[in-house]
Each structure stands twice: as C-alpha cells, then as structure tokens.
Amino acid sequence: MTRRILNDPDSHIMELPDFLTEYADPAIRHRLPALLPVGSLDATLAGLPDSGRHGHSPENVAKLKALGDQILRGPKWYAALGAFNSKERGAVLDALGIQRQVIFSSFAAATLFACQDREVRYGGVRAFNRAMMAFVADEPRLVATGILVFDDPERSAAELDRALAEGVRMFMLPSDAPGRSPGHRAHDPIWARLAEARASFVLHVGSSKLSIDPEWMIDGFPNRKTARGGAEVVGSKDMTCIFHSAERFLSVLILDGVLDRFPSLRGGCIELGAGWVPAMRRRLDHIVDIWSKPEPHLREMQRRPSEQIDDQVRFTPYPFEDVGELIRQSNDRLFMFSTDYPHAEGGRDPIGRFDASIAGYSEPTKARFFTENFQKSGAGLRFSLCSELPIFHRNQQFATHRLGHTHL
C-alpha cells in the first residue's frame, strides 16, 4: 500500500468531566450540564490511563508509539494515545503521516444541543469553543471544531464573532430546526460571516439524537441484544437513519437558497456515511425541476442543487462503504478520508480499506480523497488564517478563563 500524505476531517477528544466548566464564565459554570457518566470514567477520574488527567506514563507512551503506523489497531477511547492530551496526539499524526486533523468532541456538543435552558445553552457554547481552541493551541496540525446554535439569530451572530476572533474556523451545528428553517433569512448574517471568514459549518454524529425512537425497538423479542447504549455506540436500527436529520437539514438549506446566495460558504457532513449522497443530489435536482412551476422561487437558483453540493459540501464515508461506487454515481470531489480516532467506529485499518475501495482509480482521484478534498472543504483554510495568531497569545487568552476554577 502506498504511503500517503493524509488529511483527517474526523477525530475526537475524549473529554474529561471538567471540559466545559474549566473554560466557562463564572456566572454560568455551576449551571452547565454534567458530562458524567462518560464510559467507565467517573468524578474520581478512575478509568483514565496511568498518569490520570495528564495522559499516559512515559513508558506507556513509548509502548504505544512503537505501534507506528499500526496505531489505529491499538487502544481506543480514553486508553488511546492522545485521547485527551494534544501533545500525545502529535505522535499519532507522525505515525500515520497526517498533516491536518480535525477535532470534534465526543460528548459535550450533543449534551449542549439537547439543553433546553437558553442561557445555559449559550454559556455552554462559549465555554465549549474556548475549550476546543485550548486543546489545539500547542499542536498546529490540529483543527478545533467549535459549535454554534441558532435559537436567537442576533445572539448567535455575536457568539460567532467572538469564536471567530478566538480562532475557531469550523462549527458543528445542530441539525434540527431552531423554531424556523435553517435557511430562514434571519440566519443570513450568520452564513455571511462564515463565508467571509472562510469558516465551515459541519453536521456530525451528535448534531441530532443518535438513536431511533424507542417504539421502533419493540419487536416482541425482549431477550434480543442491541449494540446501542455505550459511549457513542449505536445499534443496527439506529444506523439505518443516522443520516436522516443531516440530509433534511442540508436539503432544506439548499432549497431555501442559502448555498446559492453564499457561494463561498463551505460545509461538511462528517461521520454520517455517504451512501445517501448520490441519491440526495439526484433527488434535489428533480425537485427543483418539477416544483419550480408551483414554487417559482426555485427558478431563481443560479446553479442546480447538485452543482451547489459539488462546489460547497464534502462528506466522509464509513470504512465499510464502497467509495469507488459512490464516485461512479457522482464524482470524486465529494468524499474525504477519515479515521474517527480514537473511537472504535473508525475501525482498525481505515486507510487500507479505503485504499482498496478506490484501487482502480487514478492517482489524482486518490489524492483528492485522501488529501485535497479536505483542503477545499474550508477546513484547510483555518491554518492560513489562524497561524497569524501566535501560540503564546492564544494560550494567554484561554488561561484567563481558568482563573478561579478548581480542577477535579
């Protein structure tokens, strides 16, 4: 297998219990939702590697580094190298030849998206974005994914400005309607700010609830086992519809004209698979063709929906999906390699499996999948923009938010 330069648009931090509270404003800190239980982790930090919140011992770091490019076959979750320590994460990037890696949360984003208290929700968003930027501050190859909510458009625009000023250039969104369509004109200032800043919006596992509704699990066989329930582990029925909310969000966004109005806006659908993407492209083109007579605003589009998607949105297939077939049904501009490290769902050999699925394609197509489509998605632009903010200055920014807080 050819050794490739890789860009990875999907990896995770395994948050510690004080991930949000450490960076929260004092007035909201005590009201933020707890991040426990987190797998086998509890408030005593039992279940962490041998050096506790600092990561692995030097001996264990050396042992894991010795796995080299087989590091993805090593421990997962909190036991993985660099699971919550960005200095350790650098060794993983070295081992795999990854030049850029995007960091998502594992638990905190979904917890905040589910919060019904608007003050807590916005206070949590601010703390979350600070915490993510602090995690990547000392490793320039890492990209922090912040979060953004749309409940109050004016307040959301202000929080977006704050996060952009702190260096965030990717924002995970909830994929449910915030009391109105995501394409509502009240949101245009937000989309405009993202486009102007060359920042990206992202839909990801956790943008909506993971699970299929409980009634679908009642099958008359009470002793049957399901995989659902663990740390982000979904069951077979959940997997059938895990992408539905994202597909609906993106489709409505296009039909409301957002991508057409803001052609420099970039977005991604991450860890939601990609088998649904070719059908969505075709379906949206058919919808515009057929419904443009009773809905004449659809005739105002400057580009067909499929062209908007090709120009502005990127997707990460699951390792078990046939990327070659997806390219045949659409094109090679849409899809990106990813690892999902350190989550188990990414598999133990995603590089090999993806390489095999596009073995018959040209080297330029392979380069697009493993490297270039990420750069054109907007994520790669974060570095040219944020590199202007010195690391020491970023650390000073985030250190001010830790004052007065006691670590667990």
Protein backbone atom coordinates (compact mmCIF):
# COMPACT_ATOMS: atom_id res chain seq x y z
CA MET A 1 0.00 0.00 0.00
CA THR A 2 1.37 3.44 -0.96
CA ARG A 3 2.30 5.67 1.95
CA ARG A 4 0.17 8.78 1.52
CA ILE A 5 0.04 12.26 2.97
CA LEU A 6 -3.29 12.31 4.77
CA ASN A 7 -5.77 14.90 5.93
CA ASP A 8 -8.23 13.65 8.54
CA PRO A 9 -11.51 15.60 8.91
CA ASP A 10 -12.87 13.41 11.71
CA SER A 11 -11.20 12.66 15.03
CA HIS A 12 -12.19 13.31 18.62
CA ILE A 13 -11.16 14.48 22.02
CA MET A 14 -12.34 12.26 24.87
CA GLU A 15 -13.50 14.97 27.25
CA LEU A 16 -12.70 14.96 30.95
CA PRO A 17 -15.55 15.79 33.35
CA ASP A 18 -14.46 19.44 33.71
CA PHE A 19 -14.10 20.04 29.96
CA LEU A 20 -16.84 22.70 29.95
CA THR A 21 -16.57 24.12 33.46
CA GLU A 22 -12.84 24.80 33.17
CA TYR A 23 -13.48 27.44 30.50
CA ALA A 24 -16.95 28.65 31.47
CA ASP A 25 -17.78 32.14 32.66
CA PRO A 26 -18.18 32.08 36.47
CA ALA A 27 -21.85 33.09 36.34
CA ILE A 28 -22.83 30.04 34.28
CA ARG A 29 -20.27 27.47 35.42
CA HIS A 30 -22.38 25.86 38.13
CA ARG A 31 -25.39 25.55 35.81
CA LEU A 32 -23.68 23.65 32.99
CA PRO A 33 -24.80 20.06 32.44
CA ALA A 34 -22.56 17.32 33.78
CA LEU A 35 -20.55 15.22 31.35
CA LEU A 36 -20.82 12.12 33.54
CA PRO A 37 -21.03 9.23 33.19
CA VAL A 38 -18.53 9.14 30.35
CA GLY A 39 -17.96 5.47 29.57
CA SER A 40 -16.24 3.95 32.62
CA LEU A 41 -14.99 7.37 33.80
CA ASP A 42 -16.37 8.89 36.99
CA ALA A 43 -15.72 12.02 39.05
CA THR A 44 -12.70 10.40 40.70
CA LEU A 45 -11.13 10.02 37.21
CA ALA A 46 -10.91 6.26 37.75
CA GLY A 47 -10.59 4.58 34.39
CA LEU A 48 -8.06 7.01 32.89
CA PRO A 49 -4.61 5.88 31.75
CA ASP A 50 -1.80 5.56 34.29
CA SER A 51 -0.96 9.28 34.57
CA GLY A 52 -4.57 10.32 35.11
CA ARG A 53 -5.66 13.59 33.55
CA HIS A 54 -2.15 14.10 32.18
CA GLY A 55 -2.42 11.07 29.89
CA HIS A 56 -0.09 8.10 29.70
CA SER A 57 3.13 7.47 31.57
CA PRO A 58 6.35 7.90 29.55
CA GLU A 59 6.70 4.12 29.45
CA ASN A 60 3.22 3.61 28.05
CA VAL A 61 3.66 6.47 25.56
CA ALA A 62 6.79 4.73 24.27
CA LYS A 63 4.92 1.43 24.02
CA LEU A 64 2.08 2.99 22.02
CA LYS A 65 4.47 4.94 19.78
CA ALA A 66 6.17 1.66 18.95
CA LEU A 67 2.97 0.60 17.16
CA GLY A 68 3.98 3.05 14.43
CA ASP A 69 1.54 3.11 11.51
CA GLN A 70 -0.42 0.34 13.25
CA ILE A 71 -1.51 2.79 15.96
CA LEU A 72 -5.15 2.52 14.83
CA ARG A 73 -5.05 -1.13 15.88
CA GLY A 74 -4.12 -0.04 19.39
CA PRO A 75 -6.30 1.00 22.33
CA LYS A 76 -9.41 3.10 21.75
CA TRP A 77 -11.41 5.61 23.77
CA TYR A 78 -9.63 7.05 26.86
CA ALA A 79 -6.85 4.46 26.64
CA ALA A 80 -5.77 5.69 23.19
CA LEU A 81 -2.65 7.79 22.78
CA GLY A 82 -3.65 11.45 22.67
CA ALA A 83 -7.27 10.81 23.60
CA PHE A 84 -7.33 13.96 25.74
CA ASN A 85 -3.70 15.13 25.57
CA SER A 86 -2.82 17.09 22.42
CA LYS A 87 0.94 16.64 22.90
CA GLU A 88 0.43 12.89 22.75
CA ARG A 89 -1.85 13.32 19.72
CA GLY A 90 1.08 14.72 17.76
CA ALA A 91 2.76 11.31 17.91
CA VAL A 92 -0.32 9.75 16.30
CA LEU A 93 -0.17 12.24 13.45
CA ASP A 94 3.53 11.49 12.99
CA ALA A 95 2.89 7.73 12.88
CA LEU A 96 0.15 7.95 10.25
CA GLY A 97 1.52 10.79 8.12
CA ILE A 98 -1.45 13.05 8.88
CA GLN A 99 -0.75 16.69 8.09
CA ARG A 100 -4.08 18.09 9.38
CA GLN A 101 -6.60 16.53 11.77
CA VAL A 102 -9.96 17.96 12.78
CA ILE A 103 -11.01 17.54 16.42
CA PHE A 104 -14.65 17.03 17.42
CA SER A 105 -15.99 16.48 20.91
CA SER A 106 -17.24 13.07 21.93
CA PHE A 107 -19.98 14.06 24.37
CA ALA A 108 -20.13 17.78 25.16
CA ALA A 109 -21.60 19.07 21.89
CA ALA A 110 -24.56 16.69 21.91
CA THR A 111 -25.11 17.43 25.61
CA LEU A 112 -25.35 21.17 24.93
CA PHE A 113 -27.51 20.74 21.82
CA ALA A 114 -30.01 18.82 23.97
CA CYS A 115 -30.08 21.52 26.68
CA GLN A 116 -33.41 23.37 26.85
CA ASP A 117 -32.26 26.32 29.00
CA ARG A 118 -31.22 29.04 26.55
CA GLU A 119 -28.84 30.81 28.98
CA VAL A 120 -27.08 27.56 29.79
CA ARG A 121 -27.01 26.63 26.12
CA TYR A 122 -25.28 29.84 25.06
CA GLY A 123 -22.98 29.85 28.09
CA GLY A 124 -22.03 26.28 27.27
CA VAL A 125 -21.36 27.17 23.62
CA ARG A 126 -18.92 29.87 24.73
CA ALA A 127 -17.13 27.53 27.16
CA PHE A 128 -17.04 24.74 24.59
CA ASN A 129 -15.39 26.90 21.93
CA ARG A 130 -12.75 28.10 24.36
CA ALA A 131 -12.04 24.55 25.50
CA MET A 132 -11.63 23.25 21.96
CA MET A 133 -9.24 26.03 21.00
CA ALA A 134 -7.21 25.41 24.15
CA PHE A 135 -6.85 21.74 23.20
CA VAL A 136 -5.33 22.51 19.79
CA ALA A 137 -3.27 25.53 20.85
CA ASP A 138 0.05 23.68 21.19
CA GLU A 139 -0.28 21.38 18.15
CA PRO A 140 -0.54 23.38 14.90
CA ARG A 141 -1.70 20.36 12.89
CA LEU A 142 -4.94 20.09 14.85
CA VAL A 143 -8.15 21.91 13.87
CA ALA A 144 -10.69 22.71 16.58
CA THR A 145 -14.37 22.30 15.77
CA GLY A 146 -16.48 24.73 17.74
CA ILE A 147 -20.25 24.69 18.00
CA LEU A 148 -22.95 27.19 17.10
CA VAL A 149 -26.69 27.27 17.79
CA PHE A 150 -29.40 29.29 16.03
CA ASP A 151 -32.02 29.82 18.75
CA ASP A 152 -31.57 33.61 18.83
CA PRO A 153 -30.08 34.73 15.49
CA GLU A 154 -28.66 38.02 16.81
CA ARG A 155 -27.11 36.39 19.85
CA SER A 156 -25.78 33.56 17.69
CA ALA A 157 -24.12 36.06 15.36
CA ALA A 158 -22.45 37.72 18.34
CA GLU A 159 -21.18 34.38 19.67
CA LEU A 160 -19.94 33.51 16.19
CA ASP A 161 -17.99 36.78 16.06
CA ARG A 162 -16.47 36.00 19.45
CA ALA A 163 -15.44 32.49 18.38
CA LEU A 164 -14.01 33.68 15.06
CA ALA A 165 -11.93 36.26 16.95
CA GLU A 166 -10.57 33.44 19.13
CA GLY A 167 -9.54 31.46 16.05
CA VAL A 168 -12.35 28.93 15.51
CA ARG A 169 -12.87 28.18 11.81
CA MET A 170 -15.14 25.12 11.90
CA PHE A 171 -18.54 25.00 13.60
CA MET A 172 -20.66 21.94 14.29
CA LEU A 173 -24.37 22.76 14.11
CA PRO A 174 -27.44 21.01 15.50
CA SER A 175 -29.38 19.60 12.56
CA ASP A 176 -32.88 20.17 13.93
CA ALA A 177 -34.95 23.23 13.00
CA PRO A 178 -34.44 26.02 15.60
CA GLY A 179 -38.09 27.09 15.57
CA ARG A 180 -37.72 28.05 11.91
CA SER A 181 -35.99 26.73 8.81
CA PRO A 182 -32.19 26.81 8.92
CA GLY A 183 -32.49 28.70 5.63
CA HIS A 184 -34.57 31.50 7.18
CA ARG A 185 -33.42 34.96 6.11
CA ALA A 186 -32.81 35.84 9.77
CA HIS A 187 -29.82 33.49 9.62
CA ASP A 188 -28.25 35.15 6.59
CA PRO A 189 -25.88 37.30 8.71
CA ILE A 190 -24.52 34.07 10.23
CA TRP A 191 -23.98 32.39 6.87
CA ALA A 192 -22.44 35.61 5.55
CA ARG A 193 -19.99 35.79 8.48
CA LEU A 194 -18.97 32.17 7.97
CA ALA A 195 -18.43 32.70 4.26
CA GLU A 196 -16.48 35.92 4.73
CA ALA A 197 -14.22 34.33 7.36
CA ARG A 198 -13.67 31.24 5.18
CA ALA A 199 -15.10 29.22 8.04
CA SER A 200 -17.06 25.98 7.61
CA PHE A 201 -20.29 24.60 9.04
CA VAL A 202 -20.38 20.91 9.86
CA LEU A 203 -23.08 18.35 10.60
CA HIS A 204 -21.82 15.36 12.57
CA VAL A 205 -22.99 12.46 14.67
CA GLY A 206 -24.41 14.28 17.67
CA SER A 207 -25.95 17.08 15.60
CA SER A 208 -29.20 15.30 16.37
CA LYS A 209 -30.07 12.44 18.67
CA LEU A 210 -28.21 9.25 17.83
CA SER A 211 -30.96 6.74 18.39
CA ILE A 212 -34.07 5.65 16.58
CA ASP A 213 -37.20 6.30 18.66
CA PRO A 214 -37.84 3.68 21.39
CA GLU A 215 -41.05 2.28 19.85
CA TRP A 216 -39.05 1.02 16.87
CA MET A 217 -37.07 -1.19 19.27
CA ILE A 218 -40.17 -3.05 20.48
CA ASP A 219 -40.03 -6.19 18.33
CA GLY A 220 -41.59 -8.84 20.58
CA PHE A 221 -38.20 -10.40 21.38
CA PRO A 222 -37.25 -8.93 24.79
CA ASN A 223 -34.08 -11.01 25.10
CA ARG A 224 -32.50 -9.76 21.89
CA LYS A 225 -29.29 -7.79 22.37
CA THR A 226 -28.60 -4.40 20.85
CA ALA A 227 -25.29 -2.60 20.44
CA ARG A 228 -26.84 0.73 21.35
CA GLY A 229 -26.04 2.37 24.62
CA GLY A 230 -22.27 2.55 25.14
CA ALA A 231 -20.08 5.57 24.53
CA GLU A 232 -21.50 6.70 21.18
CA VAL A 233 -22.21 3.10 20.12
CA VAL A 234 -25.37 2.85 18.04
CA GLY A 235 -27.40 -0.19 17.20
CA SER A 236 -28.29 -1.67 13.83
CA LYS A 237 -31.66 0.09 13.64
CA ASP A 238 -30.10 3.40 14.65
CA MET A 239 -27.68 3.06 11.77
CA THR A 240 -30.50 2.89 9.22
CA CYS A 241 -31.45 6.51 9.87
CA ILE A 242 -28.40 8.14 11.43
CA PHE A 243 -28.03 10.48 8.45
CA HIS A 244 -31.71 11.46 8.06
CA SER A 245 -31.53 14.66 10.08
CA ALA A 246 -28.42 15.87 8.28
CA GLU A 247 -29.89 15.10 4.86
CA ARG A 248 -33.05 17.02 5.75
CA PHE A 249 -31.07 20.00 7.09
CA LEU A 250 -28.80 20.20 4.05
CA SER A 251 -31.66 19.69 1.57
CA VAL A 252 -33.76 22.45 3.15
CA LEU A 253 -30.74 24.75 3.29
CA ILE A 254 -30.28 24.30 -0.46
CA LEU A 255 -33.98 24.67 -1.32
CA ASP A 256 -34.09 27.88 0.73
CA GLY A 257 -31.25 29.19 -1.42
CA VAL A 258 -28.53 29.54 1.22
CA LEU A 259 -25.72 27.85 -0.72
CA ASP A 260 -26.74 29.70 -3.86
CA ARG A 261 -26.77 33.08 -2.05
CA PHE A 262 -23.40 32.40 -0.40
CA PRO A 263 -21.30 30.52 -2.97
CA SER A 264 -18.13 30.82 -0.88
CA LEU A 265 -19.80 29.12 2.10
CA ARG A 266 -18.39 25.64 2.81
CA GLY A 267 -19.90 22.74 4.74
CA GLY A 268 -19.39 19.11 5.62
CA CYS A 269 -21.33 16.05 6.75
CA ILE A 270 -18.98 14.04 8.95
CA GLU A 271 -19.30 10.53 10.40
CA LEU A 272 -22.74 10.16 8.87
CA GLY A 273 -21.70 7.92 5.99
CA ALA A 274 -22.03 8.84 2.34
CA GLY A 275 -24.12 6.14 0.67
CA TRP A 276 -27.09 8.52 0.70
CA VAL A 277 -25.28 11.37 -1.05
CA PRO A 278 -25.66 10.41 -4.75
CA ALA A 279 -29.41 9.88 -4.29
CA MET A 280 -29.77 13.21 -2.50
CA ARG A 281 -28.03 15.04 -5.35
CA ARG A 282 -30.36 13.47 -7.92
CA ARG A 283 -33.45 13.98 -5.80
CA LEU A 284 -32.80 17.69 -5.24
CA ASP A 285 -32.26 18.27 -8.96
CA HIS A 286 -35.55 16.51 -9.70
CA ILE A 287 -37.34 18.53 -7.00
CA VAL A 288 -36.17 21.83 -8.46
CA ASP A 289 -37.07 20.75 -11.99
CA ILE A 290 -40.57 19.59 -11.04
CA TRP A 291 -41.55 22.06 -8.32
CA SER A 292 -40.18 25.21 -9.94
CA LYS A 293 -43.56 25.86 -11.57
CA PRO A 294 -45.73 25.83 -8.40
CA GLU A 295 -42.80 27.28 -6.38
CA PRO A 296 -41.33 29.90 -8.74
CA HIS A 297 -38.61 30.97 -6.29
CA LEU A 298 -36.83 27.72 -7.18
CA ARG A 299 -36.27 29.10 -10.68
CA GLU A 300 -34.12 31.85 -9.19
CA MET A 301 -31.27 29.44 -8.42
CA GLN A 302 -28.13 30.25 -10.36
CA ARG A 303 -26.85 26.66 -10.06
CA ARG A 304 -28.53 23.28 -9.85
CA PRO A 305 -28.56 21.74 -6.35
CA SER A 306 -26.09 19.04 -7.42
CA GLU A 307 -23.67 21.75 -8.55
CA GLN A 308 -24.04 23.58 -5.25
CA ILE A 309 -23.28 20.37 -3.35
CA ASP A 310 -20.28 19.58 -5.55
CA ASP A 311 -18.90 23.08 -5.11
CA GLN A 312 -19.56 23.59 -1.41
CA VAL A 313 -20.11 20.41 0.64
CA ARG A 314 -17.92 17.40 1.48
CA PHE A 315 -18.75 14.02 3.08
CA THR A 316 -16.90 11.27 4.94
CA PRO A 317 -17.90 7.70 4.03
CA TYR A 318 -17.77 4.92 6.59
CA PRO A 319 -14.85 2.47 6.12
CA PHE A 320 -17.26 -0.28 5.07
CA GLU A 321 -18.74 1.78 2.23
CA ASP A 322 -17.58 1.34 -1.37
CA VAL A 323 -16.11 4.75 -2.15
CA GLY A 324 -15.38 3.72 -5.73
CA GLU A 325 -19.07 3.04 -6.34
CA LEU A 326 -20.04 6.35 -4.73
CA ILE A 327 -17.65 8.16 -7.06
CA ARG A 328 -19.14 6.35 -10.05
CA GLN A 329 -22.60 7.52 -9.03
CA SER A 330 -21.47 11.13 -8.54
CA ASN A 331 -17.87 12.41 -8.76
CA ASP A 332 -14.53 12.40 -6.93
CA ARG A 333 -14.86 15.91 -5.48
CA LEU A 334 -17.33 14.98 -2.74
CA PHE A 335 -15.71 12.42 -0.47
CA MET A 336 -12.97 12.53 2.16
CA PHE A 337 -10.89 10.03 4.09
CA SER A 338 -11.26 9.98 7.90
CA THR A 339 -10.15 7.91 10.90
CA ASP A 340 -12.68 8.75 13.70
CA TYR A 341 -9.71 8.32 16.10
CA PRO A 342 -9.83 7.35 18.94
CA HIS A 343 -13.36 6.00 18.57
CA ALA A 344 -13.82 2.35 17.77
CA GLU A 345 -16.26 3.01 14.91
CA GLY A 346 -13.42 4.17 12.67
CA GLY A 347 -12.09 0.63 12.55
CA ARG A 348 -8.55 -0.69 12.83
CA ASP A 349 -7.49 -0.21 9.21
CA PRO A 350 -9.46 2.62 7.58
CA ILE A 351 -6.51 3.57 5.37
CA GLY A 352 -6.25 0.07 3.93
CA ARG A 353 -9.99 -0.36 3.49
CA PHE A 354 -10.44 2.99 1.75
CA ASP A 355 -7.37 2.37 -0.41
CA ALA A 356 -8.82 -0.95 -1.55
CA SER A 357 -12.21 0.56 -2.37
CA ILE A 358 -10.66 3.04 -4.85
CA ALA A 359 -7.84 0.81 -6.06
CA GLY A 360 -8.96 1.06 -9.70
CA TYR A 361 -8.95 4.84 -9.76
CA SER A 362 -6.25 7.24 -10.92
CA GLU A 363 -3.69 8.75 -8.58
CA PRO A 364 -5.30 12.21 -8.91
CA THR A 365 -8.64 10.76 -7.71
CA LYS A 366 -6.92 9.03 -4.79
CA ALA A 367 -5.14 12.27 -3.89
CA ARG A 368 -8.47 14.10 -3.87
CA PHE A 369 -9.97 11.55 -1.49
CA PHE A 370 -7.07 11.28 0.96
CA THR A 371 -5.80 14.86 0.88
CA GLU A 372 -7.19 17.51 -1.44
CA ASN A 373 -10.95 17.45 -0.87
CA PHE A 374 -10.30 18.26 2.78
CA GLN A 375 -8.27 21.30 1.78
CA LYS A 376 -11.07 22.55 -0.46
CA SER A 377 -13.74 21.90 2.17
CA GLY A 378 -12.76 25.01 4.11
CA ALA A 379 -11.10 23.14 6.98
CA GLY A 380 -7.65 23.51 5.50
CA LEU A 381 -8.08 27.27 5.26
CA ARG A 382 -8.16 27.58 9.04
CA PHE A 383 -4.39 27.34 9.24
CA SER A 384 -3.52 30.23 6.94
CA LEU A 385 -5.93 32.39 8.94
CA CYS A 386 -5.14 31.31 12.48
CA SER A 387 -1.39 30.97 12.06
CA GLU A 388 -1.35 34.76 12.29
CA LEU A 389 -2.33 34.42 15.97
CA PRO A 390 0.83 33.32 17.85
CA ILE A 391 0.52 30.23 20.01
CA PHE A 392 1.70 32.04 23.14
CA HIS A 393 -1.01 34.67 22.67
CA ARG A 394 -3.71 32.04 22.23
CA ASN A 395 -2.57 30.31 25.40
CA GLN A 396 -2.78 33.61 27.27
CA GLN A 397 -6.34 34.11 26.03
CA PHE A 398 -7.55 30.76 27.29
CA ALA A 399 -5.56 30.87 30.53
CA THR A 400 -7.63 33.87 31.65
CA HIS A 401 -10.79 31.75 31.65
CA ARG A 402 -9.30 29.16 34.03
CA LEU A 403 -8.69 31.63 36.87
CA GLY A 404 -10.69 30.93 39.99
CA HIS A 405 -11.62 27.38 38.95
CA THR A 406 -10.51 24.33 40.85
CA HIS A 407 -9.60 21.25 38.80
CA LEU A 408 -11.21 17.96 39.60
